[in-house]
N, C-alpha and C. Protein backbone atom coordinates (compact mmCIF):
# COMPACT_ATOMS: atom_id res chain seq x y z
N MET A 1 30.44 11.83 16.68
CA MET A 1 29.64 11.93 17.31
C MET A 1 28.51 10.50 16.49
N GLY A 2 27.61 10.46 17.93
CA GLY A 2 26.69 9.33 17.17
C GLY A 2 25.35 10.55 17.73
N LYS A 3 23.99 9.79 17.50
CA LYS A 3 22.99 11.14 17.17
C LYS A 3 21.90 10.22 18.42
N GLU A 4 21.91 11.06 19.25
CA GLU A 4 20.78 10.95 20.39
C GLU A 4 19.23 9.82 20.16
N LEU A 5 18.88 8.88 20.54
CA LEU A 5 17.64 8.12 20.64
C LEU A 5 17.22 8.87 21.17
N TYR A 6 17.63 9.03 22.61
CA TYR A 6 16.24 9.32 23.98
C TYR A 6 15.03 10.42 23.11
N GLY A 7 13.94 10.18 22.88
CA GLY A 7 13.19 11.44 22.96
C GLY A 7 12.70 11.59 21.09
N LYS A 8 13.38 10.84 20.74
CA LYS A 8 13.35 10.78 18.57
C LYS A 8 12.01 10.04 18.84
N THR A 9 12.02 9.95 17.47
CA THR A 9 10.49 9.49 16.46
C THR A 9 11.33 8.41 15.79
N LEU A 10 10.84 7.10 15.90
CA LEU A 10 11.20 6.13 15.38
C LEU A 10 10.07 5.20 14.38
N GLY A 11 10.07 5.22 12.56
CA GLY A 11 9.34 5.01 11.99
C GLY A 11 9.69 4.08 11.55
N LEU A 12 8.70 2.48 11.84
CA LEU A 12 9.06 0.97 11.55
C LEU A 12 8.00 1.24 10.24
N VAL A 13 9.05 0.23 8.91
CA VAL A 13 7.54 -0.42 8.04
C VAL A 13 7.69 -1.70 8.17
N GLY A 14 6.77 -2.40 8.43
CA GLY A 14 6.34 -3.89 9.11
C GLY A 14 6.73 -3.42 10.30
N ILE A 15 5.62 -4.16 10.96
CA ILE A 15 5.62 -4.53 12.49
C ILE A 15 5.46 -5.34 13.12
N GLY A 16 5.96 -6.72 12.36
CA GLY A 16 5.84 -8.32 12.49
C GLY A 16 6.82 -8.67 13.88
N HIS A 17 7.59 -9.67 13.84
CA HIS A 17 8.17 -10.18 14.75
C HIS A 17 9.26 -9.23 15.03
N ILE A 18 9.68 -8.94 14.37
CA ILE A 18 11.33 -8.55 14.63
C ILE A 18 10.81 -7.03 14.62
N GLY A 19 10.29 -5.71 14.22
CA GLY A 19 9.37 -4.75 14.45
C GLY A 19 8.74 -4.14 15.41
N SER A 20 8.36 -5.27 16.44
CA SER A 20 7.89 -5.39 17.40
C SER A 20 8.62 -5.20 18.94
N ARG A 21 9.73 -6.57 18.21
CA ARG A 21 11.26 -5.99 19.11
C ARG A 21 11.54 -5.04 18.97
N VAL A 22 11.67 -4.31 18.05
CA VAL A 22 12.20 -3.38 17.37
C VAL A 22 11.50 -2.06 18.67
N ALA A 23 10.26 -2.08 18.43
CA ALA A 23 9.09 -1.19 19.21
C ALA A 23 9.48 -1.04 20.72
N ARG A 24 9.72 -2.28 20.42
CA ARG A 24 10.13 -2.20 22.92
C ARG A 24 11.20 -1.28 22.75
N LEU A 25 12.00 -1.70 22.09
CA LEU A 25 13.50 -1.57 22.71
C LEU A 25 13.54 0.35 22.12
N ALA A 26 12.99 0.93 21.07
CA ALA A 26 12.30 2.24 21.32
C ALA A 26 12.18 2.69 22.48
N GLN A 27 10.38 1.96 22.72
CA GLN A 27 9.83 2.63 24.25
C GLN A 27 10.94 2.83 25.27
N ALA A 28 11.70 1.49 25.47
CA ALA A 28 12.81 1.66 26.23
C ALA A 28 13.55 2.71 26.51
N LEU A 29 13.88 3.93 24.97
CA LEU A 29 14.54 4.94 24.99
C LEU A 29 13.34 5.75 25.24
N ASP A 30 12.69 6.15 25.23
CA ASP A 30 11.70 6.97 25.06
C ASP A 30 11.32 7.87 23.80
N MET A 31 11.42 6.89 22.83
CA MET A 31 11.45 6.54 21.50
C MET A 31 9.59 7.03 21.10
N ARG A 32 9.54 7.85 20.25
CA ARG A 32 8.05 7.28 19.94
C ARG A 32 8.05 7.20 18.84
N VAL A 33 7.15 5.44 17.93
CA VAL A 33 7.02 5.02 17.30
C VAL A 33 6.29 4.82 16.52
N LEU A 34 6.38 4.67 15.43
CA LEU A 34 5.17 5.02 13.96
C LEU A 34 5.56 3.79 13.26
N ALA A 35 4.41 3.06 12.73
CA ALA A 35 4.61 1.78 11.63
C ALA A 35 3.55 2.20 10.96
N VAL A 36 3.58 1.24 9.50
CA VAL A 36 3.74 1.60 8.58
C VAL A 36 3.23 -0.41 8.60
N ASP A 37 1.74 -0.68 8.11
CA ASP A 37 2.19 -2.26 8.19
C ASP A 37 0.56 -2.65 6.87
N PRO A 38 0.72 -3.22 5.89
CA PRO A 38 -1.35 -3.03 5.89
C PRO A 38 -1.66 -4.27 5.84
N GLU A 39 -0.41 -5.07 6.94
CA GLU A 39 -1.34 -6.37 6.82
C GLU A 39 -2.22 -6.19 8.33
N LEU A 40 -2.03 -5.19 9.06
CA LEU A 40 -2.13 -5.33 10.51
C LEU A 40 -3.45 -3.88 10.36
N ASP A 41 -4.09 -3.84 11.75
CA ASP A 41 -4.84 -2.89 11.87
C ASP A 41 -4.35 -1.84 12.57
N ALA A 42 -4.58 -0.87 13.34
CA ALA A 42 -4.58 0.13 14.18
C ALA A 42 -4.05 -0.26 15.80
N LEU A 43 -5.63 -1.09 15.42
CA LEU A 43 -5.87 -2.10 17.51
C LEU A 43 -4.39 -3.19 17.60
N THR A 44 -3.93 -3.14 16.62
CA THR A 44 -2.35 -4.87 16.74
C THR A 44 -1.60 -3.82 16.77
N VAL A 45 -0.98 -3.30 15.47
CA VAL A 45 0.15 -1.71 15.67
C VAL A 45 0.15 -1.96 16.81
N ALA A 46 -1.29 -0.88 17.83
CA ALA A 46 -0.36 -0.40 19.00
C ALA A 46 -0.26 -1.54 19.96
N LYS A 47 -1.05 -2.75 20.62
CA LYS A 47 -0.35 -3.55 21.45
C LYS A 47 1.36 -4.03 20.68
N ARG A 48 1.21 -3.47 19.51
CA ARG A 48 3.16 -4.25 19.25
C ARG A 48 3.97 -2.80 19.46
N GLY A 49 3.27 -1.71 20.33
CA GLY A 49 3.95 -0.78 21.07
C GLY A 49 4.60 0.78 19.48
N ALA A 50 3.40 0.84 18.62
CA ALA A 50 3.72 1.50 17.47
C ALA A 50 2.28 2.25 17.53
N GLU A 51 2.25 3.30 16.43
CA GLU A 51 1.07 3.85 15.89
C GLU A 51 0.97 4.29 15.23
N LYS A 52 -0.13 3.54 13.89
CA LYS A 52 -0.08 2.87 13.22
C LYS A 52 -0.30 4.72 12.36
N VAL A 53 0.50 4.35 11.00
CA VAL A 53 0.29 5.82 10.15
C VAL A 53 0.85 6.00 8.83
N ALA A 54 0.14 6.90 7.42
CA ALA A 54 0.47 6.09 6.43
C ALA A 54 1.93 6.56 6.70
N LEU A 55 2.78 5.92 5.21
CA LEU A 55 3.59 5.92 4.76
C LEU A 55 4.18 7.40 5.06
N ASP A 56 3.66 8.58 4.39
CA ASP A 56 4.04 9.65 4.19
C ASP A 56 4.13 10.55 5.41
N VAL A 57 3.46 10.49 6.49
CA VAL A 57 3.21 9.98 7.72
C VAL A 57 4.57 10.25 8.79
N LEU A 58 4.82 8.70 8.26
CA LEU A 58 5.91 8.34 8.93
C LEU A 58 7.67 8.92 8.18
N LEU A 59 8.10 8.59 7.17
CA LEU A 59 8.65 9.74 6.18
C LEU A 59 9.00 10.80 7.07
N ALA A 60 8.17 11.15 6.82
CA ALA A 60 7.92 13.47 7.51
C ALA A 60 8.67 12.98 9.24
N GLU A 61 8.20 11.83 9.70
CA GLU A 61 8.56 13.04 11.16
C GLU A 61 9.15 12.30 11.58
N SER A 62 9.32 11.19 11.58
CA SER A 62 10.49 9.71 12.07
C SER A 62 11.68 10.32 11.65
N ASP A 63 12.40 10.70 12.99
CA ASP A 63 13.99 10.55 12.69
C ASP A 63 14.95 9.78 12.76
N PHE A 64 14.71 8.38 12.80
CA PHE A 64 14.92 7.43 12.22
C PHE A 64 14.11 6.12 11.48
N VAL A 65 14.40 5.72 9.95
CA VAL A 65 13.48 4.74 9.46
C VAL A 65 14.21 3.59 9.25
N SER A 66 13.52 2.65 10.09
CA SER A 66 13.61 1.18 9.47
C SER A 66 13.07 0.24 9.28
N LEU A 67 13.35 -0.65 8.91
CA LEU A 67 12.62 -1.76 7.54
C LEU A 67 12.48 -3.00 8.36
N HIS A 68 11.63 -3.72 7.97
CA HIS A 68 11.19 -4.79 9.09
C HIS A 68 10.19 -5.27 8.32
N CYS A 69 10.08 -5.30 6.90
CA CYS A 69 9.13 -5.61 5.66
C CYS A 69 9.98 -6.84 4.02
N PRO A 70 8.91 -7.64 4.01
CA PRO A 70 9.00 -8.35 3.09
C PRO A 70 9.79 -8.04 1.91
N ARG A 71 10.23 -9.00 0.80
CA ARG A 71 10.95 -7.91 -0.72
C ARG A 71 9.74 -8.98 -1.28
N ASN A 72 8.53 -8.23 -1.69
CA ASN A 72 7.99 -8.70 -2.67
C ASN A 72 7.45 -7.76 -3.89
N GLU A 73 6.53 -8.41 -4.89
CA GLU A 73 5.85 -7.36 -5.20
C GLU A 73 5.29 -5.92 -4.89
N SER A 74 5.07 -5.64 -3.98
CA SER A 74 4.88 -4.52 -3.64
C SER A 74 5.62 -3.60 -2.48
N THR A 75 6.63 -4.47 -2.34
CA THR A 75 7.81 -3.33 -1.82
C THR A 75 8.94 -3.43 -2.41
N GLU A 76 9.18 -3.91 -3.85
CA GLU A 76 10.03 -4.03 -4.11
C GLU A 76 10.87 -2.83 -5.23
N LYS A 77 11.50 -2.12 -4.61
CA LYS A 77 12.03 -0.61 -5.18
C LYS A 77 10.45 0.29 -4.44
N MET A 78 10.34 -0.03 -3.27
CA MET A 78 9.56 0.61 -2.52
C MET A 78 10.24 2.27 -1.86
N PHE A 79 11.73 2.06 -1.72
CA PHE A 79 12.55 3.75 -0.99
C PHE A 79 12.90 3.78 -2.65
N ASP A 80 12.63 4.43 -2.97
CA ASP A 80 13.22 5.14 -3.92
C ASP A 80 13.94 6.72 -4.44
N ALA A 81 14.35 8.00 -5.26
CA ALA A 81 15.12 8.69 -5.18
C ALA A 81 13.53 10.08 -4.44
N THR A 82 12.69 9.23 -4.99
CA THR A 82 11.21 10.16 -4.11
C THR A 82 10.69 9.87 -3.04
N THR A 83 11.10 8.29 -2.21
CA THR A 83 11.39 8.43 -0.71
C THR A 83 11.68 8.93 0.27
N PHE A 84 13.18 8.27 -0.76
CA PHE A 84 14.14 9.10 0.20
C PHE A 84 14.08 11.35 0.69
N GLN A 85 13.57 11.04 -0.39
CA GLN A 85 13.59 12.33 -0.83
C GLN A 85 11.90 13.19 0.63
N ALA A 86 11.11 12.47 0.54
CA ALA A 86 10.10 12.37 1.23
C ALA A 86 10.67 12.34 2.84
N MET A 87 11.53 11.91 3.09
CA MET A 87 12.41 11.70 4.56
C MET A 87 12.74 12.75 4.97
N LYS A 88 12.72 12.83 6.44
CA LYS A 88 12.97 14.26 7.18
C LYS A 88 14.22 14.57 7.01
N PRO A 89 14.42 15.50 6.20
CA PRO A 89 15.99 15.91 6.18
C PRO A 89 16.68 15.63 7.59
N GLY A 90 18.16 15.39 7.34
CA GLY A 90 18.71 14.56 8.79
C GLY A 90 18.50 13.91 9.28
N SER A 91 17.23 12.42 8.68
CA SER A 91 17.15 11.69 9.24
C SER A 91 18.09 10.56 8.61
N ILE A 92 18.18 8.88 9.67
CA ILE A 92 18.88 7.92 9.28
C ILE A 92 17.73 6.97 8.75
N PHE A 93 18.37 6.28 7.67
CA PHE A 93 17.77 5.05 7.60
C PHE A 93 17.99 4.20 7.28
N VAL A 94 17.64 2.57 8.29
CA VAL A 94 18.09 1.42 8.70
C VAL A 94 17.65 -0.13 8.09
N THR A 95 18.12 -0.47 7.34
CA THR A 95 17.40 -1.84 7.14
C THR A 95 18.10 -2.78 7.04
N THR A 96 17.39 -4.14 7.66
CA THR A 96 17.30 -5.42 7.88
C THR A 96 16.81 -6.41 7.12
N ALA A 97 15.86 -5.83 6.34
CA ALA A 97 14.46 -6.14 5.98
C ALA A 97 15.51 -7.03 4.93
N ARG A 98 15.66 -7.23 3.47
CA ARG A 98 15.72 -7.60 2.37
C ARG A 98 16.74 -6.59 1.31
N GLY A 99 17.48 -7.68 0.34
CA GLY A 99 18.07 -5.80 -0.59
C GLY A 99 16.70 -5.72 -2.30
N GLY A 100 16.91 -4.63 -2.56
CA GLY A 100 15.64 -4.65 -3.40
C GLY A 100 14.34 -3.56 -2.69
N ILE A 101 14.36 -3.68 -1.52
CA ILE A 101 13.40 -2.73 -1.30
C ILE A 101 13.77 -1.39 -1.15
N HIS A 102 14.62 -1.20 -1.24
CA HIS A 102 15.35 -0.24 -1.89
C HIS A 102 16.60 0.35 -2.64
N SER A 103 16.34 1.48 -3.25
CA SER A 103 17.58 1.70 -4.22
C SER A 103 18.86 2.00 -4.24
N GLU A 104 19.50 0.98 -4.53
CA GLU A 104 20.92 1.65 -3.94
C GLU A 104 21.12 2.62 -4.39
N SER A 105 21.49 3.22 -5.38
CA SER A 105 22.24 4.51 -6.03
C SER A 105 21.20 5.50 -5.70
N ALA A 106 19.29 5.51 -5.56
CA ALA A 106 18.77 6.70 -5.03
C ALA A 106 19.30 6.54 -3.22
N LEU A 107 19.27 5.50 -2.24
CA LEU A 107 20.44 6.46 -1.52
C LEU A 107 21.23 7.15 -1.01
N GLN A 108 22.09 6.05 -1.72
CA GLN A 108 23.33 7.27 -2.62
C GLN A 108 23.61 8.26 -2.72
N GLU A 109 22.52 8.95 -3.23
CA GLU A 109 22.60 10.71 -3.96
C GLU A 109 21.57 11.18 -2.54
N ALA A 110 20.82 10.32 -2.34
CA ALA A 110 20.28 11.15 -0.89
C ALA A 110 21.30 11.36 0.25
N LEU A 111 22.28 10.81 0.65
CA LEU A 111 23.02 10.72 1.73
C LEU A 111 24.21 11.78 1.08
N GLU A 112 24.78 11.36 -0.10
CA GLU A 112 25.81 12.67 -0.96
C GLU A 112 24.93 14.12 -0.76
N ALA A 113 23.66 14.61 -1.13
CA ALA A 113 23.34 15.57 -0.89
C ALA A 113 22.94 16.01 0.17
N GLY A 114 23.43 15.01 1.26
CA GLY A 114 22.70 15.40 2.53
C GLY A 114 21.41 15.94 3.08
N HIS A 115 20.81 15.04 2.28
CA HIS A 115 19.34 14.99 3.02
C HIS A 115 19.06 14.07 3.91
N LEU A 116 19.84 13.41 3.81
CA LEU A 116 19.46 12.17 4.90
C LEU A 116 21.49 12.17 5.60
N ALA A 117 21.02 12.07 6.79
CA ALA A 117 22.37 12.21 7.68
C ALA A 117 23.15 10.33 7.83
N GLY A 118 22.41 9.91 7.95
CA GLY A 118 23.08 8.40 7.45
C GLY A 118 22.64 7.44 6.49
N ALA A 119 23.37 5.88 6.89
CA ALA A 119 22.82 4.70 6.81
C ALA A 119 22.89 3.64 7.38
N GLY A 120 22.55 2.37 7.74
CA GLY A 120 23.07 1.71 8.55
C GLY A 120 22.27 0.22 7.46
N LEU A 121 22.50 -0.79 6.87
CA LEU A 121 22.77 -1.78 6.48
C LEU A 121 22.75 -2.72 6.89
N ASP A 122 22.17 -4.52 6.07
CA ASP A 122 23.17 -5.41 5.67
C ASP A 122 22.56 -5.64 5.01
N VAL A 123 22.09 -5.50 4.47
CA VAL A 123 21.34 -6.01 3.47
C VAL A 123 21.43 -5.61 2.03
N TRP A 124 22.12 -6.29 0.84
CA TRP A 124 22.65 -5.32 -0.73
C TRP A 124 21.23 -6.08 -2.06
N ASP A 125 21.48 -5.41 -2.67
CA ASP A 125 20.42 -6.19 -3.54
C ASP A 125 21.52 -7.55 -4.16
N VAL A 126 22.57 -7.22 -4.57
CA VAL A 126 23.72 -8.26 -5.23
C VAL A 126 24.32 -8.40 -3.92
N GLU A 127 24.27 -10.24 -3.51
CA GLU A 127 24.81 -9.94 -1.71
C GLU A 127 26.45 -11.20 -2.47
N PRO A 128 27.97 -11.14 -2.12
CA PRO A 128 28.31 -9.39 -0.95
C PRO A 128 28.38 -8.42 -2.17
N PRO A 129 28.13 -7.27 -1.91
CA PRO A 129 28.13 -5.71 -2.72
C PRO A 129 29.30 -6.26 -3.46
N HIS A 130 30.06 -5.87 -4.52
CA HIS A 130 31.03 -5.65 -5.12
C HIS A 130 31.63 -3.96 -5.74
């Protein structure tokens, strides 16, 4: 069975063009939307449909965490074992950003340990995965 979205909390890491659209979809499902984006102030994030919070708050409170940030020096391996452990138990990790922002081995460990309920990926560090 799936997981109900209505009334849950969505955490967006990056709220640019795509993140803003995801925020609007989440609002249609009456979801609370949190966002982390170092390039934007709280007012701009609010105009894009989310509440600006620190990453630790987003991880602890989100039922779903979705990545929409570029891959660069500050985001490479941003989601490692420590980050996945900081996520709310039973939450779901989603990325449509770029491979390399999350550690694939750390994600696998978090899933196998049962800390995360699931993950949705369309990117890998090495494309296609082998």
